[in-house]
Amino acid sequence: AILWAYEQGITRGNGEGGCDPDETVTRGDSVTFIYRALGGKLEGEIPFEDVDSGDYFFDAVLWAFIEGVTNGTDEDSFSPGYPCQKAHILTFLYRAYHM
């Protein structure tokens, strides 16, 4: 599964030639994986103060917000570094597939 995800461009590894499969997945990672698998680049404004245009997950968070995959953790925050619980990942997937 990891090799397939890498070959599909869903994950790009840790930058050191590895994947860190036992590492906790963050909210930023989760929407990035889903975005790379299903999403397309969108233009718009992002309402979250904790997401900057230079962040690797910027396009993914923008896509997820515009498409209704997530609203963030509150009105001004996405909390990209927070651990992403299984329930959140499954909710993101459900919403992404039912847009």
C-alpha atoms as a PDB file:
ATOM      1  CA  ALA A   1       0.000   0.000   0.000  1.00  0.00           C
ATOM      2  CA  ILE A   2       2.839   2.407   0.818  1.00  0.00           C
ATOM      3  CA  LEU A   3       4.617   1.704  -2.473  1.00  0.00           C
ATOM      4  CA  TRP A   4       1.342   2.136  -4.389  1.00  0.00           C
ATOM      5  CA  ALA A   5       0.614   5.458  -2.627  1.00  0.00           C
ATOM      6  CA  TYR A   6       4.129   6.663  -3.411  1.00  0.00           C
ATOM      7  CA  GLU A   7       3.859   5.617  -7.067  1.00  0.00           C
ATOM      8  CA  GLN A   8       0.492   7.402  -7.340  1.00  0.00           C
ATOM      9  CA  GLY A   9       1.916  10.611  -5.837  1.00  0.00           C
ATOM     10  CA  ILE A  10      -0.352  10.387  -2.795  1.00  0.00           C
ATOM     11  CA  THR A  11       2.617  10.389  -0.444  1.00  0.00           C
ATOM     12  CA  ARG A  12       6.070  11.725  -1.136  1.00  0.00           C
ATOM     13  CA  GLY A  13       7.797  10.117   1.829  1.00  0.00           C
ATOM     14  CA  ASN A  14       9.701  11.858   4.553  1.00  0.00           C
ATOM     15  CA  GLY A  15      12.308  13.495   2.320  1.00  0.00           C
ATOM     16  CA  GLU A  16      14.990  11.057   3.447  1.00  0.00           C
ATOM     17  CA  GLY A  17      13.983   8.128   1.251  1.00  0.00           C
ATOM     18  CA  GLY A  18      11.643   6.669   3.856  1.00  0.00           C
ATOM     19  CA  CYS A  19       8.001   6.724   4.828  1.00  0.00           C
ATOM     20  CA  ASP A  20       7.806   6.572   8.641  1.00  0.00           C
ATOM     21  CA  PRO A  21       4.799   4.194   8.563  1.00  0.00           C
ATOM     22  CA  ASP A  22       4.464   4.173  12.359  1.00  0.00           C
ATOM     23  CA  GLU A  23       4.337   7.966  12.644  1.00  0.00           C
ATOM     24  CA  THR A  24       1.070   9.589  13.713  1.00  0.00           C
ATOM     25  CA  VAL A  25      -0.820  11.141  10.820  1.00  0.00           C
ATOM     26  CA  THR A  26      -1.737  14.802  11.241  1.00  0.00           C
ATOM     27  CA  ARG A  27      -4.781  16.666   9.953  1.00  0.00           C
ATOM     28  CA  GLY A  28      -2.512  18.293   7.363  1.00  0.00           C
ATOM     29  CA  ASP A  29      -1.240  14.889   6.216  1.00  0.00           C
ATOM     30  CA  SER A  30      -4.734  13.401   6.052  1.00  0.00           C
ATOM     31  CA  VAL A  31      -6.280  16.023   3.802  1.00  0.00           C
ATOM     32  CA  THR A  32      -3.120  16.039   1.678  1.00  0.00           C
ATOM     33  CA  PHE A  33      -3.380  12.284   1.032  1.00  0.00           C
ATOM     34  CA  ILE A  34      -7.064  12.585   0.100  1.00  0.00           C
ATOM     35  CA  TYR A  35      -6.445  15.681  -2.038  1.00  0.00           C
ATOM     36  CA  ARG A  36      -3.644  13.986  -3.958  1.00  0.00           C
ATOM     37  CA  ALA A  37      -5.825  10.928  -4.528  1.00  0.00           C
ATOM     38  CA  LEU A  38      -9.070  12.704  -5.482  1.00  0.00           C
ATOM     39  CA  GLY A  39      -8.738  16.450  -5.604  1.00  0.00           C
ATOM     40  CA  GLY A  40      -7.996  19.079  -8.122  1.00  0.00           C
ATOM     41  CA  LYS A  41      -6.403  22.465  -7.664  1.00  0.00           C
ATOM     42  CA  LEU A  42      -8.864  25.221  -6.790  1.00  0.00           C
ATOM     43  CA  GLU A  43      -8.524  28.959  -6.401  1.00  0.00           C
ATOM     44  CA  GLY A  44      -9.937  30.828  -3.449  1.00  0.00           C
ATOM     45  CA  GLU A  45      -9.291  32.250  -0.032  1.00  0.00           C
ATOM     46  CA  ILE A  46      -8.469  30.121   2.932  1.00  0.00           C
ATOM     47  CA  PRO A  47     -10.045  31.247   6.215  1.00  0.00           C
ATOM     48  CA  PHE A  48      -7.535  29.589   8.521  1.00  0.00           C
ATOM     49  CA  GLU A  49      -4.848  31.667  10.223  1.00  0.00           C
ATOM     50  CA  ASP A  50      -2.644  28.606  10.807  1.00  0.00           C
ATOM     51  CA  VAL A  51      -2.285  27.652   7.123  1.00  0.00           C
ATOM     52  CA  ASP A  52       0.202  29.598   4.977  1.00  0.00           C
ATOM     53  CA  SER A  53       0.609  29.530   1.203  1.00  0.00           C
ATOM     54  CA  GLY A  54       4.072  27.951   1.559  1.00  0.00           C
ATOM     55  CA  ASP A  55       2.842  24.968   3.575  1.00  0.00           C
ATOM     56  CA  TYR A  56       2.919  21.582   1.796  1.00  0.00           C
ATOM     57  CA  PHE A  57      -0.724  21.079   2.738  1.00  0.00           C
ATOM     58  CA  PHE A  58      -1.991  24.517   1.596  1.00  0.00           C
ATOM     59  CA  ASP A  59      -3.642  23.384  -1.666  1.00  0.00           C
ATOM     60  CA  ALA A  60      -5.105  20.336   0.082  1.00  0.00           C
ATOM     61  CA  VAL A  61      -6.637  22.375   2.903  1.00  0.00           C
ATOM     62  CA  LEU A  62      -8.026  24.923   0.441  1.00  0.00           C
ATOM     63  CA  TRP A  63      -9.546  22.114  -1.640  1.00  0.00           C
ATOM     64  CA  ALA A  64     -10.957  20.377   1.449  1.00  0.00           C
ATOM     65  CA  PHE A  65     -12.505  23.610   2.717  1.00  0.00           C
ATOM     66  CA  ILE A  66     -14.036  24.658  -0.619  1.00  0.00           C
ATOM     67  CA  GLU A  67     -15.368  21.147  -1.308  1.00  0.00           C
ATOM     68  CA  GLY A  68     -16.838  20.773   2.196  1.00  0.00           C
ATOM     69  CA  VAL A  69     -14.532  17.955   3.291  1.00  0.00           C
ATOM     70  CA  THR A  70     -13.689  19.887   6.469  1.00  0.00           C
ATOM     71  CA  ASN A  71     -14.494  23.207   8.084  1.00  0.00           C
ATOM     72  CA  GLY A  72     -11.453  23.219  10.347  1.00  0.00           C
ATOM     73  CA  THR A  73     -11.284  22.874  14.100  1.00  0.00           C
ATOM     74  CA  ASP A  74     -12.829  26.309  14.643  1.00  0.00           C
ATOM     75  CA  GLU A  75     -13.656  29.396  12.594  1.00  0.00           C
ATOM     76  CA  ASP A  76     -10.027  30.566  12.268  1.00  0.00           C
ATOM     77  CA  SER A  77      -8.008  27.342  12.635  1.00  0.00           C
ATOM     78  CA  PHE A  78      -7.436  24.175  10.701  1.00  0.00           C
ATOM     79  CA  SER A  79      -4.900  22.785  13.218  1.00  0.00           C
ATOM     80  CA  PRO A  80      -2.751  21.021  10.608  1.00  0.00           C
ATOM     81  CA  GLY A  81      -0.308  19.594  13.154  1.00  0.00           C
ATOM     82  CA  TYR A  82      -2.952  17.965  15.357  1.00  0.00           C
ATOM     83  CA  PRO A  83      -3.107  14.170  15.291  1.00  0.00           C
ATOM     84  CA  CYS A  84      -5.910  12.972  13.063  1.00  0.00           C
ATOM     85  CA  GLN A  85      -8.141  10.397  14.661  1.00  0.00           C
ATOM     86  CA  LYS A  86      -9.586   7.530  12.666  1.00  0.00           C
ATOM     87  CA  ALA A  87     -13.079   9.053  12.936  1.00  0.00           C
ATOM     88  CA  HIS A  88     -11.838  12.292  11.372  1.00  0.00           C
ATOM     89  CA  ILE A  89     -10.093  10.527   8.499  1.00  0.00           C
ATOM     90  CA  LEU A  90     -13.185   8.459   7.772  1.00  0.00           C
ATOM     91  CA  THR A  91     -15.353  11.594   7.900  1.00  0.00           C
ATOM     92  CA  PHE A  92     -13.010  13.339   5.463  1.00  0.00           C
ATOM     93  CA  LEU A  93     -13.186  10.339   3.130  1.00  0.00           C
ATOM     94  CA  TYR A  94     -16.965  10.110   3.376  1.00  0.00           C
ATOM     95  CA  ARG A  95     -17.383  13.787   2.544  1.00  0.00           C
ATOM     96  CA  ALA A  96     -14.813  13.643  -0.264  1.00  0.00           C
ATOM     97  CA  TYR A  97     -16.616  10.763  -1.935  1.00  0.00           C
ATOM     98  CA  HIS A  98     -20.069  12.294  -1.415  1.00  0.00           C
ATOM     99  CA  MET A  99     -19.366  15.832  -2.650  1.00  0.00           C
END
